[in-house]
Amino acid sequence: MKAVLFDLDGTLIDTAADFVRIIQQMCREEGRALVAPELIRTQVSEGARAMVKLVYPELQLEDPVFLAHRQRFLDMYGADIAVDTDLFDGMYPLLEQLEAQDIPWGIVTNKPRWLSEALLKALNLTERCAVLVCPEDVIRTKPDPEPMYLAAKQLELAAEDCIYVGDHPRDIDAGRHAKMTTILAAYGYLPLQYKDDLTAWQADYIVDTVAELQRLIQKLLVQRQTAVS
């Protein structure tokens, strides 16, 4: 393997606490029952609409009122994007080890670019991240493999020389379709409807912790170096 690519929320960065803070603030402002943090966590990878829907279940997604609430949610998040957010425990050593081995790492996400860039800047990761592919960069987003091919192209690598790590079936589907080695991050924000049978995602590997992920990536790198030599 020559590069490691990550999904953003729930895989590389633990953003859930800030989403919980904002969703519960919206609940309080509307005089509604607080949505449980555990439920919000399962919807993070589904995007802003899914999280806002937890507060306003009676509204249709295309209702102008719902869209206004969604925009308010995004504005609140953008204004305070990393209050309680940080990399998952153990991720800093993993990135440092990759960098020490001259293995580039990057991000392929369905998170809008303005939010992704703001988040990376807040965590001082902008210069360290070798490639960032967001929805605005492609015609078809994950689970289509187009973003994966673009990331590999920008790294000047073949897609099959990349590892992709994600916590949603669309991450694994996109990686598999691009013939990348796929790793399911079971420590992430697994969607409720998919979490009972992780083997059905058809990932090449499943890891339960970042420490396990680090060991696996190093094993794959060694295997490749051995095969090449």
C-alpha atoms as a PDB file:
ATOM      1  CA  MET A   1       0.000   0.000   0.000  1.00  0.00           C
ATOM      2  CA  LYS A   2       1.253   3.475  -0.868  1.00  0.00           C
ATOM      3  CA  ALA A   3      -1.349   5.762   0.773  1.00  0.00           C
ATOM      4  CA  VAL A   4      -4.082   5.730   3.400  1.00  0.00           C
ATOM      5  CA  LEU A   5      -7.369   7.567   2.858  1.00  0.00           C
ATOM      6  CA  PHE A   6      -9.964   8.214   5.543  1.00  0.00           C
ATOM      7  CA  ASP A   7     -13.574   9.185   5.757  1.00  0.00           C
ATOM      8  CA  LEU A   8     -13.795  12.277   7.970  1.00  0.00           C
ATOM      9  CA  ASP A   9     -16.584  12.232  10.596  1.00  0.00           C
ATOM     10  CA  GLY A  10     -16.607   9.045  12.630  1.00  0.00           C
ATOM     11  CA  THR A  11     -13.417   7.637  11.123  1.00  0.00           C
ATOM     12  CA  LEU A  12     -10.581  10.150  11.375  1.00  0.00           C
ATOM     13  CA  ILE A  13     -12.171  12.796  13.570  1.00  0.00           C
ATOM     14  CA  ASP A  14     -14.605  12.419  16.484  1.00  0.00           C
ATOM     15  CA  THR A  15     -17.034  15.259  15.766  1.00  0.00           C
ATOM     16  CA  ALA A  16     -20.109  13.841  17.506  1.00  0.00           C
ATOM     17  CA  ALA A  17     -19.860  15.911  20.687  1.00  0.00           C
ATOM     18  CA  ASP A  18     -20.227  19.182  18.770  1.00  0.00           C
ATOM     19  CA  PHE A  19     -23.220  17.843  16.852  1.00  0.00           C
ATOM     20  CA  VAL A  20     -24.820  16.725  20.122  1.00  0.00           C
ATOM     21  CA  ARG A  21     -24.248  20.179  21.586  1.00  0.00           C
ATOM     22  CA  ILE A  22     -25.883  21.946  18.638  1.00  0.00           C
ATOM     23  CA  ILE A  23     -28.823  19.551  18.192  1.00  0.00           C
ATOM     24  CA  GLN A  24     -29.651  19.703  21.884  1.00  0.00           C
ATOM     25  CA  GLN A  25     -29.363  23.498  21.805  1.00  0.00           C
ATOM     26  CA  MET A  26     -31.906  23.549  18.973  1.00  0.00           C
ATOM     27  CA  CYS A  27     -34.178  21.298  21.037  1.00  0.00           C
ATOM     28  CA  ARG A  28     -33.991  23.674  23.982  1.00  0.00           C
ATOM     29  CA  GLU A  29     -34.689  26.708  21.816  1.00  0.00           C
ATOM     30  CA  GLU A  30     -37.782  24.994  20.380  1.00  0.00           C
ATOM     31  CA  GLY A  31     -38.961  23.663  23.749  1.00  0.00           C
ATOM     32  CA  ARG A  32     -38.653  20.082  22.489  1.00  0.00           C
ATOM     33  CA  ALA A  33     -37.456  16.967  24.284  1.00  0.00           C
ATOM     34  CA  LEU A  34     -33.697  16.537  24.066  1.00  0.00           C
ATOM     35  CA  VAL A  35     -32.525  14.001  21.497  1.00  0.00           C
ATOM     36  CA  ALA A  36     -30.296  11.377  23.110  1.00  0.00           C
ATOM     37  CA  PRO A  37     -26.572  11.732  22.308  1.00  0.00           C
ATOM     38  CA  GLU A  38     -26.387   8.060  21.305  1.00  0.00           C
ATOM     39  CA  LEU A  39     -29.095   8.569  18.670  1.00  0.00           C
ATOM     40  CA  ILE A  40     -27.437  11.707  17.291  1.00  0.00           C
ATOM     41  CA  ARG A  41     -24.166   9.796  17.009  1.00  0.00           C
ATOM     42  CA  THR A  42     -25.758   7.166  14.760  1.00  0.00           C
ATOM     43  CA  GLN A  43     -26.968   9.885  12.376  1.00  0.00           C
ATOM     44  CA  VAL A  44     -23.754  11.893  12.021  1.00  0.00           C
ATOM     45  CA  SER A  45     -22.597   9.942   8.961  1.00  0.00           C
ATOM     46  CA  GLU A  46     -26.010  10.441   7.362  1.00  0.00           C
ATOM     47  CA  GLY A  47     -25.440  14.201   7.220  1.00  0.00           C
ATOM     48  CA  ALA A  48     -27.048  17.429   8.419  1.00  0.00           C
ATOM     49  CA  ARG A  49     -30.543  16.572   7.186  1.00  0.00           C
ATOM     50  CA  ALA A  50     -30.664  13.347   9.178  1.00  0.00           C
ATOM     51  CA  MET A  51     -29.538  15.059  12.362  1.00  0.00           C
ATOM     52  CA  VAL A  52     -31.944  17.976  11.998  1.00  0.00           C
ATOM     53  CA  LYS A  53     -34.741  15.497  11.242  1.00  0.00           C
ATOM     54  CA  LEU A  54     -34.279  14.165  14.780  1.00  0.00           C
ATOM     55  CA  VAL A  55     -35.432  17.552  16.089  1.00  0.00           C
ATOM     56  CA  TYR A  56     -38.236  18.090  13.553  1.00  0.00           C
ATOM     57  CA  PRO A  57     -39.528  14.609  12.629  1.00  0.00           C
ATOM     58  CA  GLU A  58     -42.849  16.031  11.461  1.00  0.00           C
ATOM     59  CA  LEU A  59     -41.319  18.166   8.695  1.00  0.00           C
ATOM     60  CA  GLN A  60     -40.604  16.961   5.164  1.00  0.00           C
ATOM     61  CA  LEU A  61     -36.999  17.248   4.018  1.00  0.00           C
ATOM     62  CA  GLU A  62     -37.872  19.692   1.221  1.00  0.00           C
ATOM     63  CA  ASP A  63     -40.169  21.822   3.378  1.00  0.00           C
ATOM     64  CA  PRO A  64     -38.821  25.426   3.372  1.00  0.00           C
ATOM     65  CA  VAL A  65     -39.180  25.484   7.158  1.00  0.00           C
ATOM     66  CA  PHE A  66     -37.067  22.345   7.473  1.00  0.00           C
ATOM     67  CA  LEU A  67     -34.455  23.729   5.072  1.00  0.00           C
ATOM     68  CA  ALA A  68     -34.270  26.898   7.154  1.00  0.00           C
ATOM     69  CA  HIS A  69     -33.642  24.820  10.289  1.00  0.00           C
ATOM     70  CA  ARG A  70     -30.981  22.830   8.426  1.00  0.00           C
ATOM     71  CA  GLN A  71     -29.224  26.042   7.373  1.00  0.00           C
ATOM     72  CA  ARG A  72     -29.364  27.330  10.950  1.00  0.00           C
ATOM     73  CA  PHE A  73     -27.791  24.066  12.097  1.00  0.00           C
ATOM     74  CA  LEU A  74     -24.975  24.420   9.537  1.00  0.00           C
ATOM     75  CA  ASP A  75     -24.400  28.058  10.488  1.00  0.00           C
ATOM     76  CA  MET A  76     -24.189  27.171  14.190  1.00  0.00           C
ATOM     77  CA  TYR A  77     -21.784  24.334  13.434  1.00  0.00           C
ATOM     78  CA  GLY A  78     -19.607  26.429  11.138  1.00  0.00           C
ATOM     79  CA  ALA A  79     -19.328  29.174  13.750  1.00  0.00           C
ATOM     80  CA  ASP A  80     -18.041  26.759  16.444  1.00  0.00           C
ATOM     81  CA  ILE A  81     -16.749  23.799  14.481  1.00  0.00           C
ATOM     82  CA  ALA A  82     -14.252  22.300  16.912  1.00  0.00           C
ATOM     83  CA  VAL A  83     -15.348  23.121  20.455  1.00  0.00           C
ATOM     84  CA  ASP A  84     -15.419  19.488  21.599  1.00  0.00           C
ATOM     85  CA  THR A  85     -13.994  17.871  18.460  1.00  0.00           C
ATOM     86  CA  ASP A  86     -10.649  16.134  18.099  1.00  0.00           C
ATOM     87  CA  LEU A  87      -9.077  13.169  16.354  1.00  0.00           C
ATOM     88  CA  PHE A  88     -10.114   9.804  17.725  1.00  0.00           C
ATOM     89  CA  ASP A  89      -7.921   8.607  20.566  1.00  0.00           C
ATOM     90  CA  GLY A  90      -4.822   7.016  19.073  1.00  0.00           C
ATOM     91  CA  MET A  91      -5.175   8.681  15.673  1.00  0.00           C
ATOM     92  CA  TYR A  92      -2.356  11.204  16.189  1.00  0.00           C
ATOM     93  CA  PRO A  93       0.255   8.440  16.661  1.00  0.00           C
ATOM     94  CA  LEU A  94      -1.119   6.629  13.608  1.00  0.00           C
ATOM     95  CA  LEU A  95      -0.758   9.729  11.412  1.00  0.00           C
ATOM     96  CA  GLU A  96       2.690  10.468  12.810  1.00  0.00           C
ATOM     97  CA  GLN A  97       3.818   6.936  12.009  1.00  0.00           C
ATOM     98  CA  LEU A  98       2.536   7.198   8.429  1.00  0.00           C
ATOM     99  CA  GLU A  99       4.303  10.526   7.989  1.00  0.00           C
ATOM    100  CA  ALA A 100       7.538   9.108   9.400  1.00  0.00           C
ATOM    101  CA  GLN A 101       7.332   6.362   6.756  1.00  0.00           C
ATOM    102  CA  ASP A 102       6.584   8.874   3.973  1.00  0.00           C
ATOM    103  CA  ILE A 103       3.149   7.307   3.446  1.00  0.00           C
ATOM    104  CA  PRO A 104       0.735  10.103   2.419  1.00  0.00           C
ATOM    105  CA  TRP A 105      -2.671  10.193   4.053  1.00  0.00           C
ATOM    106  CA  GLY A 106      -5.783  12.028   2.963  1.00  0.00           C
ATOM    107  CA  ILE A 107      -9.524  12.389   3.249  1.00  0.00           C
ATOM    108  CA  VAL A 108     -12.435  11.470   1.002  1.00  0.00           C
ATOM    109  CA  THR A 109     -15.649  12.778   2.522  1.00  0.00           C
ATOM    110  CA  ASN A 110     -19.239  13.708   1.728  1.00  0.00           C
ATOM    111  CA  LYS A 111     -18.883  16.690   4.098  1.00  0.00           C
ATOM    112  CA  PRO A 112     -19.050  20.075   2.272  1.00  0.00           C
ATOM    113  CA  ARG A 113     -15.652  21.551   1.496  1.00  0.00           C
ATOM    114  CA  TRP A 114     -16.124  24.762   3.489  1.00  0.00           C
ATOM    115  CA  LEU A 115     -16.813  22.751   6.636  1.00  0.00           C
ATOM    116  CA  SER A 116     -14.095  20.157   5.941  1.00  0.00           C
ATOM    117  CA  GLU A 117     -11.447  22.830   5.395  1.00  0.00           C
ATOM    118  CA  ALA A 118     -12.527  24.755   8.489  1.00  0.00           C
ATOM    119  CA  LEU A 119     -12.332  21.588  10.570  1.00  0.00           C
ATOM    120  CA  LEU A 120      -8.869  20.657   9.314  1.00  0.00           C
ATOM    121  CA  LYS A 121      -7.655  24.206   9.941  1.00  0.00           C
ATOM    122  CA  ALA A 122      -9.032  24.189  13.494  1.00  0.00           C
ATOM    123  CA  LEU A 123      -7.145  20.947  14.215  1.00  0.00           C
ATOM    124  CA  ASN A 124      -3.923  22.074  12.474  1.00  0.00           C
ATOM    125  CA  LEU A 125      -4.180  19.283   9.908  1.00  0.00           C
ATOM    126  CA  THR A 126      -4.400  21.316   6.701  1.00  0.00           C
ATOM    127  CA  GLU A 127      -0.734  21.083   5.756  1.00  0.00           C
ATOM    128  CA  ARG A 128      -0.435  17.468   6.866  1.00  0.00           C
ATOM    129  CA  CYS A 129      -3.354  16.182   4.786  1.00  0.00           C
ATOM    130  CA  ALA A 130      -2.026  15.169   1.352  1.00  0.00           C
ATOM    131  CA  VAL A 131      -5.408  15.215  -0.404  1.00  0.00           C
ATOM    132  CA  LEU A 132      -8.955  16.306   0.422  1.00  0.00           C
ATOM    133  CA  VAL A 133     -11.838  15.263  -1.835  1.00  0.00           C
ATOM    134  CA  CYS A 134     -15.289  16.705  -1.069  1.00  0.00           C
ATOM    135  CA  PRO A 135     -18.691  16.528  -2.826  1.00  0.00           C
ATOM    136  CA  GLU A 136     -18.016  19.736  -4.756  1.00  0.00           C
ATOM    137  CA  ASP A 137     -15.037  18.083  -6.454  1.00  0.00           C
ATOM    138  CA  VAL A 138     -16.977  15.335  -8.219  1.00  0.00           C
ATOM    139  CA  ILE A 139     -20.171  14.664 -10.131  1.00  0.00           C
ATOM    140  CA  ARG A 140     -21.054  11.517  -8.174  1.00  0.00           C
ATOM    141  CA  THR A 141     -20.287  11.220  -4.469  1.00  0.00           C
ATOM    142  CA  LYS A 142     -19.769   8.079  -2.377  1.00  0.00           C
ATOM    143  CA  PRO A 143     -20.878   5.283  -2.707  1.00  0.00           C
ATOM    144  CA  ASP A 144     -19.795   5.942  -6.304  1.00  0.00           C
ATOM    145  CA  PRO A 145     -16.040   5.351  -6.700  1.00  0.00           C
ATOM    146  CA  GLU A 146     -15.465   8.663  -8.515  1.00  0.00           C
ATOM    147  CA  PRO A 147     -14.144  10.465  -5.393  1.00  0.00           C
ATOM    148  CA  MET A 148     -11.794   7.573  -4.699  1.00  0.00           C
ATOM    149  CA  TYR A 149     -10.345   7.685  -8.205  1.00  0.00           C
ATOM    150  CA  LEU A 150      -9.888  11.457  -7.925  1.00  0.00           C
ATOM    151  CA  ALA A 151      -8.026  11.152  -4.614  1.00  0.00           C
ATOM    152  CA  ALA A 152      -5.716   8.509  -6.063  1.00  0.00           C
ATOM    153  CA  LYS A 153      -5.130  10.614  -9.171  1.00  0.00           C
ATOM    154  CA  GLN A 154      -4.194  13.655  -7.100  1.00  0.00           C
ATOM    155  CA  LEU A 155      -1.734  11.485  -5.179  1.00  0.00           C
ATOM    156  CA  GLU A 156      -0.410  10.191  -8.521  1.00  0.00           C
ATOM    157  CA  LEU A 157      -1.196   6.632  -7.474  1.00  0.00           C
ATOM    158  CA  ALA A 158      -3.350   3.803  -8.747  1.00  0.00           C
ATOM    159  CA  ALA A 159      -6.525   3.382  -6.695  1.00  0.00           C
ATOM    160  CA  GLU A 160      -5.638  -0.222  -5.876  1.00  0.00           C
ATOM    161  CA  ASP A 161      -2.484   1.035  -4.133  1.00  0.00           C
ATOM    162  CA  CYS A 162      -4.593   2.869  -1.536  1.00  0.00           C
ATOM    163  CA  ILE A 163      -6.228   1.836   1.712  1.00  0.00           C
ATOM    164  CA  TYR A 164      -9.618   3.397   2.497  1.00  0.00           C
ATOM    165  CA  VAL A 165     -11.027   3.523   6.036  1.00  0.00           C
ATOM    166  CA  GLY A 166     -14.680   4.355   6.691  1.00  0.00           C
ATOM    167  CA  ASP A 167     -17.583   3.856   9.086  1.00  0.00           C
ATOM    168  CA  HIS A 168     -20.527   3.734   6.654  1.00  0.00           C
ATOM    169  CA  PRO A 169     -21.542   1.189   3.988  1.00  0.00           C
ATOM    170  CA  ARG A 170     -21.163   3.848   1.288  1.00  0.00           C
ATOM    171  CA  ASP A 171     -17.511   4.252   2.306  1.00  0.00           C
ATOM    172  CA  ILE A 172     -16.840   0.554   1.896  1.00  0.00           C
ATOM    173  CA  ASP A 173     -18.828   0.364  -1.352  1.00  0.00           C
ATOM    174  CA  ALA A 174     -16.896   3.287  -2.857  1.00  0.00           C
ATOM    175  CA  GLY A 175     -13.574   1.791  -1.832  1.00  0.00           C
ATOM    176  CA  ARG A 176     -14.451  -1.691  -3.087  1.00  0.00           C
ATOM    177  CA  HIS A 177     -15.669  -0.373  -6.445  1.00  0.00           C
ATOM    178  CA  ALA A 178     -12.350   1.469  -6.845  1.00  0.00           C
ATOM    179  CA  LYS A 179     -10.496  -1.757  -5.919  1.00  0.00           C
ATOM    180  CA  MET A 180      -8.958  -0.159  -2.834  1.00  0.00           C
ATOM    181  CA  THR A 181      -8.233  -2.182   0.292  1.00  0.00           C
ATOM    182  CA  THR A 182     -11.171  -1.330   2.562  1.00  0.00           C
ATOM    183  CA  ILE A 183     -11.214  -1.173   6.360  1.00  0.00           C
ATOM    184  CA  LEU A 184     -14.442  -0.793   8.319  1.00  0.00           C
ATOM    185  CA  ALA A 185     -13.948   1.447  11.363  1.00  0.00           C
ATOM    186  CA  ALA A 186     -16.347  -0.229  13.791  1.00  0.00           C
ATOM    187  CA  TYR A 187     -15.407   2.343  16.462  1.00  0.00           C
ATOM    188  CA  GLY A 188     -17.146   5.042  14.387  1.00  0.00           C
ATOM    189  CA  TYR A 189     -20.688   6.299  13.917  1.00  0.00           C
ATOM    190  CA  LEU A 190     -22.277   3.114  12.621  1.00  0.00           C
ATOM    191  CA  PRO A 191     -25.783   3.782  11.240  1.00  0.00           C
ATOM    192  CA  LEU A 192     -28.510   1.970  13.188  1.00  0.00           C
ATOM    193  CA  GLN A 193     -29.907   0.174  10.153  1.00  0.00           C
ATOM    194  CA  TYR A 194     -26.535  -1.318   9.208  1.00  0.00           C
ATOM    195  CA  LYS A 195     -24.704  -2.005  12.467  1.00  0.00           C
ATOM    196  CA  ASP A 196     -26.116  -5.460  13.281  1.00  0.00           C
ATOM    197  CA  ASP A 197     -24.268  -7.289  10.488  1.00  0.00           C
ATOM    198  CA  LEU A 198     -20.947  -5.637   9.718  1.00  0.00           C
ATOM    199  CA  THR A 199     -19.765  -8.567   7.600  1.00  0.00           C
ATOM    200  CA  ALA A 200     -22.531  -7.696   5.109  1.00  0.00           C
ATOM    201  CA  TRP A 201     -20.622  -4.511   4.286  1.00  0.00           C
ATOM    202  CA  GLN A 202     -18.009  -6.726   2.567  1.00  0.00           C
ATOM    203  CA  ALA A 203     -15.033  -4.753   3.822  1.00  0.00           C
ATOM    204  CA  ASP A 204     -11.646  -6.421   3.528  1.00  0.00           C
ATOM    205  CA  TYR A 205     -11.038  -5.855   7.245  1.00  0.00           C
ATOM    206  CA  ILE A 206     -12.955  -4.727  10.336  1.00  0.00           C
ATOM    207  CA  VAL A 207     -11.290  -2.948  13.276  1.00  0.00           C
ATOM    208  CA  ASP A 208     -12.823  -2.095  16.644  1.00  0.00           C
ATOM    209  CA  THR A 209     -10.260   0.475  17.812  1.00  0.00           C
ATOM    210  CA  VAL A 210      -7.786   2.948  16.365  1.00  0.00           C
ATOM    211  CA  ALA A 211      -4.954   0.954  17.937  1.00  0.00           C
ATOM    212  CA  GLU A 212      -6.137  -2.099  16.001  1.00  0.00           C
ATOM    213  CA  LEU A 213      -6.347   0.035  12.859  1.00  0.00           C
ATOM    214  CA  GLN A 214      -2.750   1.186  13.314  1.00  0.00           C
ATOM    215  CA  ARG A 215      -1.502  -2.378  13.716  1.00  0.00           C
ATOM    216  CA  LEU A 216      -3.434  -3.521  10.646  1.00  0.00           C
ATOM    217  CA  ILE A 217      -2.162  -0.696   8.439  1.00  0.00           C
ATOM    218  CA  GLN A 218       1.420  -1.428   9.458  1.00  0.00           C
ATOM    219  CA  LYS A 219       0.873  -5.115   8.711  1.00  0.00           C
ATOM    220  CA  LEU A 220      -0.456  -4.293   5.238  1.00  0.00           C
ATOM    221  CA  LEU A 221       2.472  -1.963   4.546  1.00  0.00           C
ATOM    222  CA  VAL A 222       4.969  -4.624   5.567  1.00  0.00           C
ATOM    223  CA  GLN A 223       3.218  -7.233   3.435  1.00  0.00           C
ATOM    224  CA  ARG A 224       3.422  -4.980   0.409  1.00  0.00           C
ATOM    225  CA  GLN A 225       7.084  -4.158   0.974  1.00  0.00           C
ATOM    226  CA  THR A 226       7.846  -7.864   1.315  1.00  0.00           C
ATOM    227  CA  ALA A 227       5.962  -8.654  -1.875  1.00  0.00           C
ATOM    228  CA  VAL A 228       7.781  -5.918  -3.803  1.00  0.00           C
ATOM    229  CA  SER A 229      11.192  -6.994  -2.574  1.00  0.00           C
END
